[in-house]
Amino acid sequence: MFMPSIFNKGFIDDVFDDDFFVDSKSRKAIGNTDIKELEDKYELEVELPGFTKEDIKAEVNNGYLVISAAHNENKEEKNSEGRYIRKERYTGQCMRSFYVGNHLNEEDIKAKFENGILKLEVSKKEAQPKVEEKKYIQIEG
């Protein structure tokens, strides 16, 4: 039996699921990442459409490569009398992290941003075994 969708998930959900209410920017694939393994490095390609180089930060922190991007946009258009015809704001941010190991630092990673794609080269580096230092406890008496 066919029943209106108001009995399934709610009338308000139907109204706001309409494409009229969806921002086309929210459909962009933000932060999708492709990772390729080569002989001596890994290549990462992170999709960051709508962001600029200045919006993006990449850092190595506690063994993780952390990529974050934040963007604020404010568009205003006025007619000749100064009344708003359109006023839009867009704020977006995303963050991704990948474990790269404690043996890598920022010098081991090269980054380039072109056409909405952040390309990173992460060199493969063997973890160096830590040299154990013997620490003696002083015995009194």
N, C-alpha and C. Protein backbone atom coordinates (compact mmCIF):
# COMPACT_ATOMS: atom_id res chain seq x y z
N MET A 1 0.84 -1.17 0.00
CA MET A 1 0.00 0.00 0.00
C MET A 1 0.89 1.25 0.00
N PHE A 2 0.60 2.19 -0.85
CA PHE A 2 1.35 3.44 -0.92
C PHE A 2 0.90 4.36 0.20
N MET A 3 1.89 4.86 0.95
CA MET A 3 1.58 5.80 2.02
C MET A 3 2.44 7.03 1.83
N PRO A 4 1.91 8.21 2.07
CA PRO A 4 2.72 9.42 1.96
C PRO A 4 3.93 9.35 2.89
N SER A 5 4.99 9.99 2.49
CA SER A 5 6.21 9.91 3.27
C SER A 5 6.11 10.58 4.63
N ILE A 6 5.05 11.34 4.88
CA ILE A 6 4.92 11.96 6.19
C ILE A 6 4.75 10.91 7.28
N PHE A 7 4.34 9.69 6.90
CA PHE A 7 4.19 8.63 7.88
C PHE A 7 5.51 7.89 8.10
N ASN A 8 6.47 8.04 7.21
CA ASN A 8 7.74 7.33 7.31
C ASN A 8 8.79 8.10 8.09
N LYS A 9 9.10 9.30 7.63
CA LYS A 9 10.20 10.02 8.27
C LYS A 9 9.86 11.44 8.68
N GLY A 10 8.74 11.92 8.31
CA GLY A 10 8.34 13.26 8.76
C GLY A 10 8.27 14.25 7.62
N PHE A 11 7.29 15.08 7.68
CA PHE A 11 7.06 16.09 6.65
C PHE A 11 8.21 17.08 6.53
N ILE A 12 8.73 17.52 7.66
CA ILE A 12 9.82 18.51 7.65
C ILE A 12 11.05 17.94 6.94
N ASP A 13 11.35 16.64 7.18
CA ASP A 13 12.49 16.02 6.51
C ASP A 13 12.31 16.06 5.00
N ASP A 14 11.09 15.78 4.51
CA ASP A 14 10.83 15.83 3.07
C ASP A 14 11.06 17.22 2.51
N VAL A 15 10.60 18.23 3.21
CA VAL A 15 10.75 19.60 2.74
C VAL A 15 12.22 19.97 2.62
N PHE A 16 13.00 19.68 3.65
CA PHE A 16 14.40 20.10 3.64
C PHE A 16 15.31 19.16 2.88
N ASP A 17 14.83 18.00 2.45
CA ASP A 17 15.61 17.12 1.57
C ASP A 17 15.54 17.59 0.12
N ASP A 18 14.65 18.52 -0.17
CA ASP A 18 14.51 19.04 -1.52
C ASP A 18 15.81 19.73 -1.93
N ASP A 19 16.22 19.59 -3.21
CA ASP A 19 17.45 20.19 -3.70
C ASP A 19 17.49 21.70 -3.57
N PHE A 20 16.33 22.34 -3.44
CA PHE A 20 16.29 23.79 -3.30
C PHE A 20 17.05 24.24 -2.06
N PHE A 21 17.02 23.43 -1.00
CA PHE A 21 17.64 23.81 0.27
C PHE A 21 19.09 23.34 0.40
N VAL A 22 19.59 22.62 -0.57
CA VAL A 22 20.94 22.08 -0.49
C VAL A 22 21.92 23.04 -1.13
N ASP A 23 22.95 23.41 -0.39
CA ASP A 23 24.01 24.26 -0.91
C ASP A 23 24.88 23.42 -1.84
N SER A 24 25.10 23.89 -3.05
CA SER A 24 25.90 23.13 -3.99
C SER A 24 27.32 22.93 -3.49
N LYS A 25 27.81 23.83 -2.64
CA LYS A 25 29.16 23.68 -2.10
C LYS A 25 29.26 22.47 -1.17
N SER A 26 28.16 22.12 -0.51
CA SER A 26 28.21 20.99 0.40
C SER A 26 28.32 19.66 -0.34
N ARG A 27 28.06 19.66 -1.63
CA ARG A 27 28.17 18.44 -2.42
C ARG A 27 29.60 18.18 -2.86
N LYS A 28 30.47 19.12 -2.69
CA LYS A 28 31.85 18.93 -3.11
C LYS A 28 32.52 17.88 -2.23
N ALA A 29 33.42 17.16 -2.84
CA ALA A 29 34.15 16.12 -2.11
C ALA A 29 35.30 16.78 -1.37
N ILE A 30 35.10 17.09 -0.12
CA ILE A 30 36.13 17.77 0.65
C ILE A 30 36.89 16.75 1.47
N GLY A 31 38.18 16.73 1.28
CA GLY A 31 39.03 15.87 2.09
C GLY A 31 39.18 14.46 1.57
N ASN A 32 38.55 14.11 0.44
CA ASN A 32 38.78 12.78 -0.12
C ASN A 32 40.25 12.63 -0.43
N THR A 33 40.82 11.48 -0.11
CA THR A 33 42.26 11.29 -0.22
C THR A 33 42.58 10.01 -0.96
N ASP A 34 43.51 10.12 -1.90
CA ASP A 34 44.07 8.96 -2.59
C ASP A 34 45.50 8.80 -2.11
N ILE A 35 45.89 7.57 -1.78
CA ILE A 35 47.24 7.30 -1.30
C ILE A 35 47.86 6.24 -2.20
N LYS A 36 49.04 6.57 -2.73
CA LYS A 36 49.76 5.65 -3.61
C LYS A 36 51.10 5.32 -2.98
N GLU A 37 51.46 4.04 -2.96
CA GLU A 37 52.75 3.62 -2.42
C GLU A 37 53.73 3.42 -3.55
N LEU A 38 54.89 4.05 -3.45
CA LEU A 38 55.97 3.89 -4.41
C LEU A 38 57.17 3.26 -3.68
N GLU A 39 58.25 3.05 -4.41
CA GLU A 39 59.44 2.42 -3.82
C GLU A 39 59.96 3.15 -2.58
N ASP A 40 60.12 4.47 -2.71
CA ASP A 40 60.79 5.24 -1.66
C ASP A 40 59.89 6.24 -0.94
N LYS A 41 58.60 6.29 -1.32
CA LYS A 41 57.72 7.30 -0.71
C LYS A 41 56.27 6.90 -0.89
N TYR A 42 55.40 7.65 -0.21
CA TYR A 42 53.96 7.58 -0.39
C TYR A 42 53.53 8.90 -1.01
N GLU A 43 52.57 8.85 -1.92
CA GLU A 43 52.00 10.06 -2.49
C GLU A 43 50.54 10.16 -2.07
N LEU A 44 50.19 11.29 -1.48
CA LEU A 44 48.81 11.54 -1.07
C LEU A 44 48.26 12.68 -1.90
N GLU A 45 47.02 12.53 -2.35
CA GLU A 45 46.31 13.60 -3.02
C GLU A 45 45.02 13.84 -2.26
N VAL A 46 44.89 15.04 -1.69
CA VAL A 46 43.73 15.40 -0.88
C VAL A 46 42.93 16.44 -1.64
N GLU A 47 41.64 16.15 -1.87
CA GLU A 47 40.77 17.08 -2.59
C GLU A 47 40.27 18.15 -1.62
N LEU A 48 40.59 19.40 -1.93
CA LEU A 48 40.16 20.53 -1.10
C LEU A 48 39.58 21.63 -1.99
N PRO A 49 38.46 21.36 -2.68
CA PRO A 49 37.89 22.37 -3.57
C PRO A 49 37.36 23.57 -2.78
N GLY A 50 37.57 24.75 -3.33
CA GLY A 50 37.08 25.97 -2.70
C GLY A 50 38.04 26.57 -1.70
N PHE A 51 39.11 25.85 -1.37
CA PHE A 51 40.11 26.37 -0.44
C PHE A 51 41.28 26.95 -1.21
N THR A 52 42.01 27.87 -0.57
CA THR A 52 43.24 28.41 -1.14
C THR A 52 44.42 27.86 -0.35
N LYS A 53 45.60 28.07 -0.86
CA LYS A 53 46.82 27.62 -0.18
C LYS A 53 46.90 28.20 1.23
N GLU A 54 46.45 29.44 1.39
CA GLU A 54 46.52 30.10 2.69
C GLU A 54 45.53 29.50 3.69
N ASP A 55 44.50 28.82 3.21
CA ASP A 55 43.50 28.21 4.09
C ASP A 55 43.96 26.89 4.68
N ILE A 56 45.05 26.33 4.16
CA ILE A 56 45.45 24.96 4.48
C ILE A 56 46.67 24.93 5.38
N LYS A 57 46.64 24.02 6.37
CA LYS A 57 47.80 23.78 7.24
C LYS A 57 48.08 22.29 7.25
N ALA A 58 49.36 21.93 7.19
CA ALA A 58 49.78 20.54 7.31
C ALA A 58 50.90 20.49 8.35
N GLU A 59 50.80 19.55 9.28
CA GLU A 59 51.81 19.46 10.32
C GLU A 59 52.01 18.00 10.72
N VAL A 60 53.16 17.73 11.30
CA VAL A 60 53.44 16.42 11.88
C VAL A 60 53.37 16.61 13.39
N ASN A 61 52.50 15.79 14.03
CA ASN A 61 52.28 15.95 15.46
C ASN A 61 52.12 14.56 16.09
N ASN A 62 53.04 14.20 16.98
CA ASN A 62 52.99 12.91 17.69
C ASN A 62 52.84 11.72 16.75
N GLY A 63 53.57 11.73 15.64
CA GLY A 63 53.53 10.61 14.71
C GLY A 63 52.42 10.67 13.68
N TYR A 64 51.61 11.72 13.70
CA TYR A 64 50.50 11.86 12.75
C TYR A 64 50.73 13.04 11.82
N LEU A 65 50.43 12.83 10.54
CA LEU A 65 50.37 13.92 9.58
C LEU A 65 48.96 14.46 9.66
N VAL A 66 48.82 15.73 10.07
CA VAL A 66 47.50 16.33 10.27
C VAL A 66 47.32 17.43 9.21
N ILE A 67 46.26 17.29 8.42
CA ILE A 67 45.94 18.27 7.38
C ILE A 67 44.62 18.93 7.76
N SER A 68 44.64 20.25 7.86
CA SER A 68 43.40 20.96 8.19
C SER A 68 43.23 22.12 7.22
N ALA A 69 41.97 22.42 6.93
CA ALA A 69 41.64 23.52 6.03
C ALA A 69 40.40 24.23 6.56
N ALA A 70 40.44 25.55 6.56
CA ALA A 70 39.29 26.35 7.01
C ALA A 70 39.14 27.54 6.08
N HIS A 71 37.89 27.84 5.73
CA HIS A 71 37.62 28.91 4.77
C HIS A 71 36.38 29.68 5.19
N ASN A 72 36.46 30.99 5.14
CA ASN A 72 35.32 31.86 5.41
C ASN A 72 35.11 32.74 4.19
N GLU A 73 33.88 32.84 3.76
CA GLU A 73 33.56 33.64 2.58
C GLU A 73 32.32 34.45 2.86
N ASN A 74 32.35 35.72 2.50
CA ASN A 74 31.21 36.59 2.71
C ASN A 74 30.98 37.39 1.44
N LYS A 75 29.83 37.18 0.78
CA LYS A 75 29.50 37.91 -0.44
C LYS A 75 28.35 38.85 -0.16
N GLU A 76 28.50 40.07 -0.57
CA GLU A 76 27.41 41.03 -0.42
C GLU A 76 27.22 41.76 -1.74
N GLU A 77 25.98 41.91 -2.13
CA GLU A 77 25.65 42.71 -3.30
C GLU A 77 24.56 43.69 -2.89
N LYS A 78 24.70 44.94 -3.30
CA LYS A 78 23.70 45.96 -2.98
C LYS A 78 23.24 46.62 -4.26
N ASN A 79 22.00 47.08 -4.24
CA ASN A 79 21.54 47.86 -5.39
C ASN A 79 21.96 49.31 -5.18
N SER A 80 21.54 50.20 -6.06
CA SER A 80 21.99 51.59 -6.00
C SER A 80 21.52 52.31 -4.74
N GLU A 81 20.45 51.84 -4.09
CA GLU A 81 19.96 52.47 -2.87
C GLU A 81 20.57 51.87 -1.61
N GLY A 82 21.41 50.86 -1.78
CA GLY A 82 22.10 50.28 -0.63
C GLY A 82 21.34 49.18 0.09
N ARG A 83 20.20 48.76 -0.43
CA ARG A 83 19.47 47.66 0.21
C ARG A 83 20.05 46.34 -0.29
N TYR A 84 20.02 45.35 0.59
CA TYR A 84 20.57 44.06 0.21
C TYR A 84 19.71 43.40 -0.86
N ILE A 85 20.35 42.95 -1.88
CA ILE A 85 19.71 42.12 -2.88
C ILE A 85 20.04 40.66 -2.58
N ARG A 86 21.26 40.44 -2.17
CA ARG A 86 21.71 39.11 -1.80
C ARG A 86 22.83 39.25 -0.79
N LYS A 87 22.82 38.40 0.21
CA LYS A 87 23.89 38.39 1.20
C LYS A 87 24.14 36.93 1.55
N GLU A 88 25.34 36.45 1.25
CA GLU A 88 25.66 35.05 1.48
C GLU A 88 26.92 34.93 2.31
N ARG A 89 26.95 33.88 3.11
CA ARG A 89 28.12 33.56 3.90
C ARG A 89 28.40 32.07 3.73
N TYR A 90 29.65 31.71 3.67
CA TYR A 90 30.03 30.31 3.60
C TYR A 90 31.21 30.10 4.53
N THR A 91 31.09 29.13 5.37
CA THR A 91 32.19 28.75 6.25
C THR A 91 32.35 27.25 6.14
N GLY A 92 33.55 26.82 5.90
CA GLY A 92 33.80 25.39 5.79
C GLY A 92 35.14 25.04 6.38
N GLN A 93 35.21 23.85 6.91
CA GLN A 93 36.49 23.37 7.43
C GLN A 93 36.50 21.85 7.39
N CYS A 94 37.67 21.31 7.30
CA CYS A 94 37.83 19.87 7.37
C CYS A 94 39.20 19.55 7.94
N MET A 95 39.34 18.33 8.44
CA MET A 95 40.62 17.91 9.00
C MET A 95 40.77 16.42 8.76
N ARG A 96 41.95 16.01 8.35
CA ARG A 96 42.28 14.60 8.16
C ARG A 96 43.60 14.34 8.86
N SER A 97 43.77 13.14 9.36
CA SER A 97 45.05 12.77 9.95
C SER A 97 45.42 11.36 9.52
N PHE A 98 46.73 11.14 9.35
CA PHE A 98 47.26 9.86 8.92
C PHE A 98 48.47 9.54 9.79
N TYR A 99 48.55 8.32 10.28
CA TYR A 99 49.70 7.93 11.08
C TYR A 99 50.88 7.71 10.16
N VAL A 100 51.99 8.42 10.42
CA VAL A 100 53.21 8.29 9.61
C VAL A 100 54.38 7.78 10.44
N GLY A 101 54.22 7.68 11.73
CA GLY A 101 55.28 7.18 12.60
C GLY A 101 56.03 8.30 13.28
N ASN A 102 56.58 7.99 14.42
CA ASN A 102 57.32 8.99 15.21
C ASN A 102 58.68 9.32 14.63
N HIS A 103 59.15 8.56 13.66
CA HIS A 103 60.48 8.77 13.09
C HIS A 103 60.49 9.81 11.96
N LEU A 104 59.33 10.29 11.54
CA LEU A 104 59.28 11.31 10.49
C LEU A 104 59.07 12.69 11.09
N ASN A 105 59.62 13.69 10.41
CA ASN A 105 59.36 15.08 10.81
C ASN A 105 58.98 15.88 9.56
N GLU A 106 58.75 17.17 9.72
CA GLU A 106 58.26 17.98 8.61
C GLU A 106 59.22 18.05 7.42
N GLU A 107 60.51 17.85 7.63
CA GLU A 107 61.46 17.87 6.52
C GLU A 107 61.31 16.65 5.61
N ASP A 108 60.68 15.59 6.10
CA ASP A 108 60.51 14.36 5.33
C ASP A 108 59.25 14.39 4.46
N ILE A 109 58.50 15.49 4.51
CA ILE A 109 57.25 15.59 3.77
C ILE A 109 57.27 16.84 2.90
N LYS A 110 56.96 16.67 1.62
CA LYS A 110 56.89 17.80 0.69
C LYS A 110 55.43 17.97 0.28
N ALA A 111 54.99 19.23 0.17
CA ALA A 111 53.59 19.50 -0.15
C ALA A 111 53.50 20.53 -1.26
N LYS A 112 52.46 20.36 -2.10
CA LYS A 112 52.19 21.29 -3.20
C LYS A 112 50.67 21.38 -3.37
N PHE A 113 50.15 22.59 -3.58
CA PHE A 113 48.72 22.79 -3.75
C PHE A 113 48.44 23.40 -5.10
N GLU A 114 47.65 22.69 -5.93
CA GLU A 114 47.29 23.17 -7.26
C GLU A 114 45.86 22.74 -7.59
N ASN A 115 45.08 23.67 -8.12
CA ASN A 115 43.74 23.37 -8.63
C ASN A 115 42.86 22.60 -7.64
N GLY A 116 42.92 22.98 -6.38
CA GLY A 116 42.07 22.35 -5.38
C GLY A 116 42.55 21.00 -4.89
N ILE A 117 43.76 20.60 -5.27
CA ILE A 117 44.33 19.32 -4.85
C ILE A 117 45.62 19.57 -4.09
N LEU A 118 45.69 19.06 -2.86
CA LEU A 118 46.92 19.12 -2.07
C LEU A 118 47.66 17.82 -2.31
N LYS A 119 48.88 17.92 -2.86
CA LYS A 119 49.71 16.74 -3.14
C LYS A 119 50.84 16.70 -2.13
N LEU A 120 50.97 15.57 -1.45
CA LEU A 120 52.01 15.40 -0.44
C LEU A 120 52.87 14.19 -0.80
N GLU A 121 54.16 14.33 -0.62
CA GLU A 121 55.09 13.22 -0.77
C GLU A 121 55.67 12.94 0.60
N VAL A 122 55.41 11.74 1.10
CA VAL A 122 55.89 11.33 2.42
C VAL A 122 56.96 10.27 2.20
N SER A 123 58.21 10.61 2.54
CA SER A 123 59.28 9.67 2.30
C SER A 123 59.18 8.47 3.23
N LYS A 124 59.57 7.32 2.69
CA LYS A 124 59.62 6.11 3.50
C LYS A 124 60.96 6.14 4.23
N LYS A 125 60.89 5.96 5.48
CA LYS A 125 62.09 6.03 6.29
C LYS A 125 61.99 4.94 7.35
N GLU A 126 63.02 4.16 7.48
CA GLU A 126 63.03 3.12 8.49
C GLU A 126 63.11 3.76 9.88
N ALA A 127 62.34 3.23 10.77
CA ALA A 127 62.41 3.71 12.15
C ALA A 127 63.77 3.32 12.73
N GLN A 128 64.44 4.29 13.26
CA GLN A 128 65.75 4.03 13.87
C GLN A 128 65.56 3.49 15.27
N PRO A 129 66.20 2.36 15.56
CA PRO A 129 66.05 1.85 16.92
C PRO A 129 66.68 2.82 17.91
N LYS A 130 66.00 2.99 19.00
CA LYS A 130 66.51 3.91 20.00
C LYS A 130 67.67 3.24 20.74
N VAL A 131 68.68 4.03 20.94
CA VAL A 131 69.83 3.54 21.71
C VAL A 131 69.49 3.69 23.17
N GLU A 132 69.51 2.58 23.84
CA GLU A 132 69.17 2.63 25.26
C GLU A 132 70.35 3.17 26.06
N GLU A 133 70.06 4.13 26.86
CA GLU A 133 71.07 4.65 27.76
C GLU A 133 70.89 3.96 29.10
N LYS A 134 72.00 3.51 29.62
CA LYS A 134 71.92 2.91 30.94
C LYS A 134 71.95 4.02 31.96
N LYS A 135 70.99 3.97 32.82
CA LYS A 135 70.91 4.97 33.88
C LYS A 135 71.05 4.22 35.20
N TYR A 136 72.03 4.65 35.90
CA TYR A 136 72.31 3.97 37.17
C TYR A 136 71.68 4.72 38.33
N ILE A 137 71.26 3.97 39.27
CA ILE A 137 70.71 4.53 40.50
C ILE A 137 71.82 4.55 41.52
N GLN A 138 72.01 5.70 42.08
CA GLN A 138 73.07 5.83 43.07
C GLN A 138 72.61 5.17 44.37
N ILE A 139 73.51 4.36 44.88
CA ILE A 139 73.22 3.64 46.13
C ILE A 139 74.00 4.32 47.24
N GLU A 140 73.29 4.74 48.23
CA GLU A 140 73.94 5.41 49.36
C GLU A 140 74.27 4.40 50.45
N GLY A 141 75.27 4.74 51.27
CA GLY A 141 75.57 3.92 52.44
C GLY A 141 76.95 3.38 52.50
